[in-house]
Amino acid sequence: MTDSIEEYYEKIAEFIPEAIDDDWAKARIDIIFFPGMITSFGEYTTSSGSLKDFTTSWNIQRTFMELRAKFKEANTPLWGQATFNLTSEGKFSMSWGYENCDENGDTIFDEDREHQREESRRLRLNAAD
């Protein structure tokens, strides 16, 4: 599985600059898999240090779905959340979250928790303005 997942990392890393119409230094995508639904958010730091958001494309979401399917094929525990960090130099890191997941690996939807997550993101982006 290790060799084949590298291609998914590379695809995600290629899609990020396509989604950002600005000079950027670092970018981040957070994705959450809920039962029957996917939510993703993109943020980036400009070359001047401002924090902004960007729309994650269907291609990015699909690539995460395919990557998750590889984990399932390998009988590896499924993650319900993931974060992909990328620098403009091409260095990346990825982390997976298994918190609050059901037996299928999907994140259990909690309206209060999601509201808090969105509010935290909104405050972070507004504080950067």
N, C-alpha and C. Protein backbone atom coordinates (compact mmCIF):
# COMPACT_ATOMS: atom_id res chain seq x y z
N MET A 1 0.82 -1.20 0.00
CA MET A 1 0.00 0.00 0.00
C MET A 1 0.86 1.25 0.00
N THR A 2 2.02 1.23 0.67
CA THR A 2 2.83 2.44 0.82
C THR A 2 3.21 3.03 -0.53
N ASP A 3 3.65 2.21 -1.48
CA ASP A 3 4.04 2.74 -2.78
C ASP A 3 2.87 3.41 -3.49
N SER A 4 1.71 2.82 -3.43
CA SER A 4 0.58 3.35 -4.19
C SER A 4 -0.03 4.60 -3.57
N ILE A 5 0.13 4.82 -2.26
CA ILE A 5 -0.49 6.01 -1.68
C ILE A 5 0.31 7.27 -2.01
N GLU A 6 1.57 7.13 -2.36
CA GLU A 6 2.36 8.30 -2.75
C GLU A 6 1.73 9.04 -3.93
N GLU A 7 1.17 8.31 -4.87
CA GLU A 7 0.55 8.97 -6.03
C GLU A 7 -0.64 9.84 -5.61
N TYR A 8 -1.35 9.44 -4.57
CA TYR A 8 -2.47 10.25 -4.09
C TYR A 8 -1.97 11.52 -3.42
N TYR A 9 -0.89 11.41 -2.66
CA TYR A 9 -0.28 12.61 -2.06
C TYR A 9 0.15 13.58 -3.15
N GLU A 10 0.77 13.04 -4.19
CA GLU A 10 1.23 13.89 -5.30
C GLU A 10 0.06 14.58 -6.00
N LYS A 11 -1.03 13.86 -6.20
CA LYS A 11 -2.21 14.46 -6.84
C LYS A 11 -2.76 15.60 -5.99
N ILE A 12 -2.90 15.37 -4.69
CA ILE A 12 -3.40 16.42 -3.81
C ILE A 12 -2.48 17.62 -3.88
N ALA A 13 -1.18 17.38 -3.83
CA ALA A 13 -0.20 18.47 -3.88
C ALA A 13 -0.28 19.23 -5.21
N GLU A 14 -0.64 18.58 -6.29
CA GLU A 14 -0.78 19.25 -7.58
C GLU A 14 -2.09 20.07 -7.66
N PHE A 15 -3.14 19.58 -7.03
CA PHE A 15 -4.43 20.27 -7.09
C PHE A 15 -4.45 21.55 -6.26
N ILE A 16 -3.68 21.61 -5.20
CA ILE A 16 -3.72 22.77 -4.31
C ILE A 16 -3.30 24.05 -5.03
N PRO A 17 -2.15 24.12 -5.69
CA PRO A 17 -1.79 25.37 -6.37
C PRO A 17 -2.80 25.78 -7.45
N GLU A 18 -3.45 24.80 -8.06
CA GLU A 18 -4.47 25.10 -9.06
C GLU A 18 -5.67 25.81 -8.42
N ALA A 19 -5.92 25.55 -7.14
CA ALA A 19 -7.08 26.12 -6.45
C ALA A 19 -6.79 27.51 -5.85
N ILE A 20 -5.51 27.87 -5.78
CA ILE A 20 -5.13 29.15 -5.15
C ILE A 20 -4.70 30.12 -6.23
N ASP A 21 -5.39 31.24 -6.29
CA ASP A 21 -5.09 32.26 -7.29
C ASP A 21 -4.36 33.43 -6.61
N ASP A 22 -3.19 33.11 -6.04
CA ASP A 22 -2.46 34.10 -5.25
C ASP A 22 -1.05 33.55 -5.01
N ASP A 23 -0.14 34.42 -4.60
CA ASP A 23 1.17 33.95 -4.14
C ASP A 23 0.96 33.35 -2.76
N TRP A 24 1.46 32.16 -2.54
CA TRP A 24 1.23 31.49 -1.27
C TRP A 24 2.52 30.85 -0.78
N ALA A 25 2.59 30.68 0.53
CA ALA A 25 3.76 30.05 1.14
C ALA A 25 3.41 28.67 1.71
N LYS A 26 2.24 28.57 2.36
CA LYS A 26 1.78 27.31 2.94
C LYS A 26 0.30 27.15 2.67
N ALA A 27 -0.13 25.91 2.52
CA ALA A 27 -1.55 25.62 2.32
C ALA A 27 -1.93 24.41 3.15
N ARG A 28 -3.22 24.35 3.44
CA ARG A 28 -3.73 23.26 4.27
C ARG A 28 -5.12 22.90 3.80
N ILE A 29 -5.39 21.61 3.78
CA ILE A 29 -6.74 21.11 3.50
C ILE A 29 -7.15 20.23 4.66
N ASP A 30 -8.33 20.49 5.19
CA ASP A 30 -8.95 19.62 6.19
C ASP A 30 -10.15 18.98 5.52
N ILE A 31 -10.28 17.67 5.70
CA ILE A 31 -11.41 16.97 5.11
C ILE A 31 -12.02 16.07 6.18
N ILE A 32 -13.34 16.01 6.18
CA ILE A 32 -14.05 15.20 7.16
C ILE A 32 -15.04 14.31 6.41
N PHE A 33 -15.00 13.03 6.71
CA PHE A 33 -15.93 12.07 6.14
C PHE A 33 -17.03 11.78 7.16
N PHE A 34 -18.25 12.15 6.81
CA PHE A 34 -19.43 11.83 7.60
C PHE A 34 -20.19 10.72 6.86
N PRO A 35 -21.11 10.03 7.52
CA PRO A 35 -21.91 9.05 6.78
C PRO A 35 -22.67 9.75 5.64
N GLY A 36 -22.35 9.39 4.41
CA GLY A 36 -23.03 9.93 3.24
C GLY A 36 -22.65 11.34 2.84
N MET A 37 -21.61 11.92 3.44
CA MET A 37 -21.26 13.30 3.14
C MET A 37 -19.78 13.56 3.43
N ILE A 38 -19.18 14.46 2.65
CA ILE A 38 -17.80 14.87 2.85
C ILE A 38 -17.77 16.39 2.97
N THR A 39 -16.99 16.89 3.91
CA THR A 39 -16.79 18.31 4.06
C THR A 39 -15.29 18.58 3.95
N SER A 40 -14.92 19.60 3.19
CA SER A 40 -13.50 19.95 3.10
C SER A 40 -13.33 21.46 3.11
N PHE A 41 -12.21 21.88 3.67
CA PHE A 41 -11.88 23.29 3.79
C PHE A 41 -10.44 23.50 3.38
N GLY A 42 -10.18 24.56 2.67
CA GLY A 42 -8.81 24.90 2.29
C GLY A 42 -8.42 26.26 2.86
N GLU A 43 -7.20 26.36 3.36
CA GLU A 43 -6.65 27.61 3.85
C GLU A 43 -5.23 27.72 3.35
N TYR A 44 -4.79 28.96 3.16
CA TYR A 44 -3.39 29.16 2.78
C TYR A 44 -2.86 30.44 3.39
N THR A 45 -1.56 30.47 3.55
CA THR A 45 -0.86 31.66 4.01
C THR A 45 -0.20 32.27 2.80
N THR A 46 -0.47 33.56 2.57
CA THR A 46 0.13 34.24 1.42
C THR A 46 1.61 34.47 1.70
N SER A 47 2.32 34.86 0.66
CA SER A 47 3.74 35.17 0.80
C SER A 47 3.97 36.30 1.80
N SER A 48 2.97 37.19 1.94
CA SER A 48 3.10 38.30 2.89
C SER A 48 2.62 37.94 4.30
N GLY A 49 2.14 36.71 4.49
CA GLY A 49 1.75 36.25 5.82
C GLY A 49 0.27 36.28 6.14
N SER A 50 -0.58 36.71 5.21
CA SER A 50 -2.03 36.74 5.45
C SER A 50 -2.60 35.33 5.32
N LEU A 51 -3.61 35.04 6.12
CA LEU A 51 -4.30 33.76 6.06
C LEU A 51 -5.59 33.94 5.28
N LYS A 52 -5.80 33.08 4.28
CA LYS A 52 -6.99 33.14 3.44
C LYS A 52 -7.53 31.74 3.22
N ASP A 53 -8.77 31.68 2.76
CA ASP A 53 -9.34 30.37 2.45
C ASP A 53 -9.42 30.17 0.95
N PHE A 54 -9.56 28.92 0.54
CA PHE A 54 -9.78 28.61 -0.86
C PHE A 54 -10.75 27.45 -0.96
N THR A 55 -11.42 27.39 -2.08
CA THR A 55 -12.39 26.35 -2.33
C THR A 55 -11.68 25.08 -2.76
N THR A 56 -12.01 23.99 -2.09
CA THR A 56 -11.43 22.71 -2.48
C THR A 56 -12.25 22.14 -3.62
N SER A 57 -11.59 21.68 -4.63
CA SER A 57 -12.27 21.17 -5.82
C SER A 57 -12.79 19.75 -5.61
N TRP A 58 -13.66 19.36 -6.49
CA TRP A 58 -14.15 17.98 -6.50
C TRP A 58 -12.97 17.03 -6.70
N ASN A 59 -11.98 17.42 -7.50
CA ASN A 59 -10.81 16.56 -7.72
C ASN A 59 -10.07 16.27 -6.42
N ILE A 60 -9.96 17.27 -5.56
CA ILE A 60 -9.31 17.07 -4.27
C ILE A 60 -10.13 16.10 -3.43
N GLN A 61 -11.42 16.32 -3.34
CA GLN A 61 -12.27 15.43 -2.54
C GLN A 61 -12.22 14.00 -3.08
N ARG A 62 -12.30 13.88 -4.39
CA ARG A 62 -12.27 12.54 -5.01
C ARG A 62 -10.95 11.83 -4.70
N THR A 63 -9.85 12.56 -4.74
CA THR A 63 -8.54 11.96 -4.46
C THR A 63 -8.48 11.48 -3.01
N PHE A 64 -9.01 12.25 -2.08
CA PHE A 64 -9.07 11.80 -0.69
C PHE A 64 -9.95 10.55 -0.57
N MET A 65 -11.06 10.51 -1.30
CA MET A 65 -11.93 9.34 -1.28
C MET A 65 -11.19 8.11 -1.80
N GLU A 66 -10.43 8.28 -2.87
CA GLU A 66 -9.66 7.17 -3.44
C GLU A 66 -8.57 6.71 -2.47
N LEU A 67 -7.92 7.67 -1.81
CA LEU A 67 -6.89 7.34 -0.82
C LEU A 67 -7.50 6.56 0.33
N ARG A 68 -8.65 7.00 0.77
CA ARG A 68 -9.33 6.30 1.87
C ARG A 68 -9.72 4.88 1.45
N ALA A 69 -10.12 4.72 0.20
CA ALA A 69 -10.46 3.39 -0.31
C ALA A 69 -9.24 2.46 -0.29
N LYS A 70 -8.05 3.01 -0.54
CA LYS A 70 -6.81 2.22 -0.48
C LYS A 70 -6.59 1.69 0.94
N PHE A 71 -6.86 2.54 1.93
CA PHE A 71 -6.74 2.09 3.31
C PHE A 71 -7.72 0.96 3.59
N LYS A 72 -8.94 1.10 3.08
CA LYS A 72 -9.96 0.07 3.29
C LYS A 72 -9.55 -1.24 2.62
N GLU A 73 -9.03 -1.15 1.38
CA GLU A 73 -8.58 -2.36 0.66
C GLU A 73 -7.48 -3.08 1.43
N ALA A 74 -6.65 -2.33 2.13
CA ALA A 74 -5.53 -2.91 2.88
C ALA A 74 -5.95 -3.34 4.29
N ASN A 75 -7.26 -3.28 4.56
CA ASN A 75 -7.78 -3.63 5.89
C ASN A 75 -7.11 -2.82 7.00
N THR A 76 -6.83 -1.57 6.69
CA THR A 76 -6.26 -0.63 7.65
C THR A 76 -7.41 0.18 8.24
N PRO A 77 -7.35 0.50 9.52
CA PRO A 77 -8.44 1.30 10.09
C PRO A 77 -8.68 2.58 9.28
N LEU A 78 -9.96 2.87 9.04
CA LEU A 78 -10.30 4.06 8.26
C LEU A 78 -10.33 5.28 9.15
N TRP A 79 -9.81 6.36 8.63
CA TRP A 79 -9.81 7.64 9.31
C TRP A 79 -11.03 8.43 8.86
N GLY A 80 -11.59 9.17 9.78
CA GLY A 80 -12.76 9.99 9.47
C GLY A 80 -12.40 11.42 9.13
N GLN A 81 -11.18 11.82 9.47
CA GLN A 81 -10.71 13.17 9.19
C GLN A 81 -9.27 13.09 8.71
N ALA A 82 -8.87 14.06 7.91
CA ALA A 82 -7.48 14.14 7.46
C ALA A 82 -7.11 15.60 7.25
N THR A 83 -5.83 15.88 7.44
CA THR A 83 -5.27 17.20 7.18
C THR A 83 -4.04 17.02 6.31
N PHE A 84 -3.99 17.79 5.24
CA PHE A 84 -2.86 17.76 4.31
C PHE A 84 -2.25 19.16 4.31
N ASN A 85 -0.97 19.26 4.67
CA ASN A 85 -0.23 20.52 4.68
C ASN A 85 0.79 20.50 3.55
N LEU A 86 0.92 21.62 2.85
CA LEU A 86 1.84 21.72 1.73
C LEU A 86 2.53 23.08 1.75
N THR A 87 3.84 23.09 1.50
CA THR A 87 4.55 24.36 1.35
C THR A 87 4.71 24.63 -0.14
N SER A 88 4.96 25.88 -0.48
CA SER A 88 5.13 26.23 -1.89
C SER A 88 6.39 25.59 -2.47
N GLU A 89 7.30 25.12 -1.61
CA GLU A 89 8.49 24.40 -2.08
C GLU A 89 8.19 22.93 -2.38
N GLY A 90 6.98 22.48 -2.06
CA GLY A 90 6.59 21.11 -2.36
C GLY A 90 6.69 20.14 -1.20
N LYS A 91 7.09 20.60 -0.02
CA LYS A 91 7.14 19.72 1.15
C LYS A 91 5.72 19.57 1.70
N PHE A 92 5.39 18.35 2.10
CA PHE A 92 4.04 18.12 2.61
C PHE A 92 4.07 17.21 3.82
N SER A 93 2.97 17.25 4.55
CA SER A 93 2.72 16.29 5.63
C SER A 93 1.23 16.00 5.63
N MET A 94 0.91 14.83 6.13
CA MET A 94 -0.49 14.44 6.20
C MET A 94 -0.73 13.79 7.55
N SER A 95 -1.86 14.12 8.15
CA SER A 95 -2.24 13.46 9.40
C SER A 95 -3.68 12.99 9.28
N TRP A 96 -3.97 11.92 10.01
CA TRP A 96 -5.29 11.32 9.96
C TRP A 96 -5.91 11.38 11.34
N GLY A 97 -7.23 11.56 11.38
CA GLY A 97 -7.95 11.58 12.65
C GLY A 97 -8.94 10.43 12.72
N TYR A 98 -8.93 9.78 13.86
CA TYR A 98 -9.82 8.64 14.10
C TYR A 98 -10.82 8.94 15.21
N GLU A 99 -10.81 10.19 15.71
CA GLU A 99 -11.67 10.57 16.82
C GLU A 99 -13.13 10.62 16.38
N ASN A 100 -13.99 10.22 17.29
CA ASN A 100 -15.44 10.32 17.08
C ASN A 100 -15.90 9.63 15.81
N CYS A 101 -15.33 8.49 15.50
CA CYS A 101 -15.71 7.74 14.30
C CYS A 101 -16.61 6.56 14.64
N ASP A 102 -17.46 6.22 13.70
CA ASP A 102 -18.30 5.05 13.87
C ASP A 102 -17.57 3.80 13.39
N GLU A 103 -18.24 2.67 13.38
CA GLU A 103 -17.61 1.40 13.00
C GLU A 103 -17.18 1.37 11.52
N ASN A 104 -17.71 2.28 10.70
CA ASN A 104 -17.32 2.35 9.29
C ASN A 104 -16.17 3.34 9.05
N GLY A 105 -15.70 3.99 10.11
CA GLY A 105 -14.64 4.97 9.96
C GLY A 105 -15.14 6.37 9.64
N ASP A 106 -16.45 6.57 9.59
CA ASP A 106 -17.01 7.89 9.32
C ASP A 106 -17.11 8.68 10.62
N THR A 107 -16.89 9.97 10.53
CA THR A 107 -17.02 10.84 11.69
C THR A 107 -18.49 10.95 12.07
N ILE A 108 -18.78 10.79 13.33
CA ILE A 108 -20.15 10.92 13.82
C ILE A 108 -20.49 12.40 13.84
N PHE A 109 -21.55 12.78 13.14
CA PHE A 109 -21.91 14.19 13.06
C PHE A 109 -22.45 14.67 14.39
N ASP A 110 -21.89 15.77 14.86
CA ASP A 110 -22.36 16.44 16.07
C ASP A 110 -22.49 17.91 15.73
N GLU A 111 -23.71 18.40 15.69
CA GLU A 111 -23.97 19.77 15.24
C GLU A 111 -23.19 20.80 16.06
N ASP A 112 -23.14 20.64 17.36
CA ASP A 112 -22.41 21.59 18.20
C ASP A 112 -20.92 21.58 17.89
N ARG A 113 -20.35 20.40 17.76
CA ARG A 113 -18.92 20.29 17.46
C ARG A 113 -18.60 20.91 16.10
N GLU A 114 -19.45 20.66 15.11
CA GLU A 114 -19.20 21.22 13.78
C GLU A 114 -19.38 22.74 13.77
N HIS A 115 -20.33 23.22 14.54
CA HIS A 115 -20.51 24.67 14.67
C HIS A 115 -19.25 25.29 15.31
N GLN A 116 -18.73 24.66 16.34
CA GLN A 116 -17.51 25.15 17.00
C GLN A 116 -16.33 25.13 16.04
N ARG A 117 -16.21 24.07 15.25
CA ARG A 117 -15.11 23.96 14.28
C ARG A 117 -15.20 25.09 13.25
N GLU A 118 -16.40 25.34 12.74
CA GLU A 118 -16.59 26.39 11.75
C GLU A 118 -16.36 27.78 12.36
N GLU A 119 -16.82 27.98 13.57
CA GLU A 119 -16.61 29.27 14.24
C GLU A 119 -15.12 29.51 14.50
N SER A 120 -14.41 28.49 14.91
CA SER A 120 -12.97 28.61 15.12
C SER A 120 -12.26 28.97 13.83
N ARG A 121 -12.66 28.34 12.75
CA ARG A 121 -12.08 28.63 11.44
C ARG A 121 -12.40 30.06 11.01
N ARG A 122 -13.63 30.49 11.20
CA ARG A 122 -14.04 31.85 10.84
C ARG A 122 -13.23 32.87 11.63
N LEU A 123 -13.07 32.64 12.92
CA LEU A 123 -12.30 33.57 13.75
C LEU A 123 -10.84 33.62 13.34
N ARG A 124 -10.28 32.46 13.03
CA ARG A 124 -8.88 32.39 12.58
C ARG A 124 -8.68 33.18 11.29
N LEU A 125 -9.59 33.02 10.35
CA LEU A 125 -9.47 33.73 9.07
C LEU A 125 -9.70 35.23 9.25
N ASN A 126 -10.67 35.60 10.09
CA ASN A 126 -10.94 37.03 10.31
C ASN A 126 -9.82 37.70 11.08
N ALA A 127 -9.18 36.98 11.99
CA ALA A 127 -8.08 37.55 12.77
C ALA A 127 -6.89 37.85 11.87
N ALA A 128 -6.78 37.13 10.77
CA ALA A 128 -5.66 37.30 9.85
C ALA A 128 -5.83 38.52 8.95
N ASP A 129 -7.05 39.06 8.86
CA ASP A 129 -7.31 40.21 7.99
C ASP A 129 -6.68 41.48 8.50
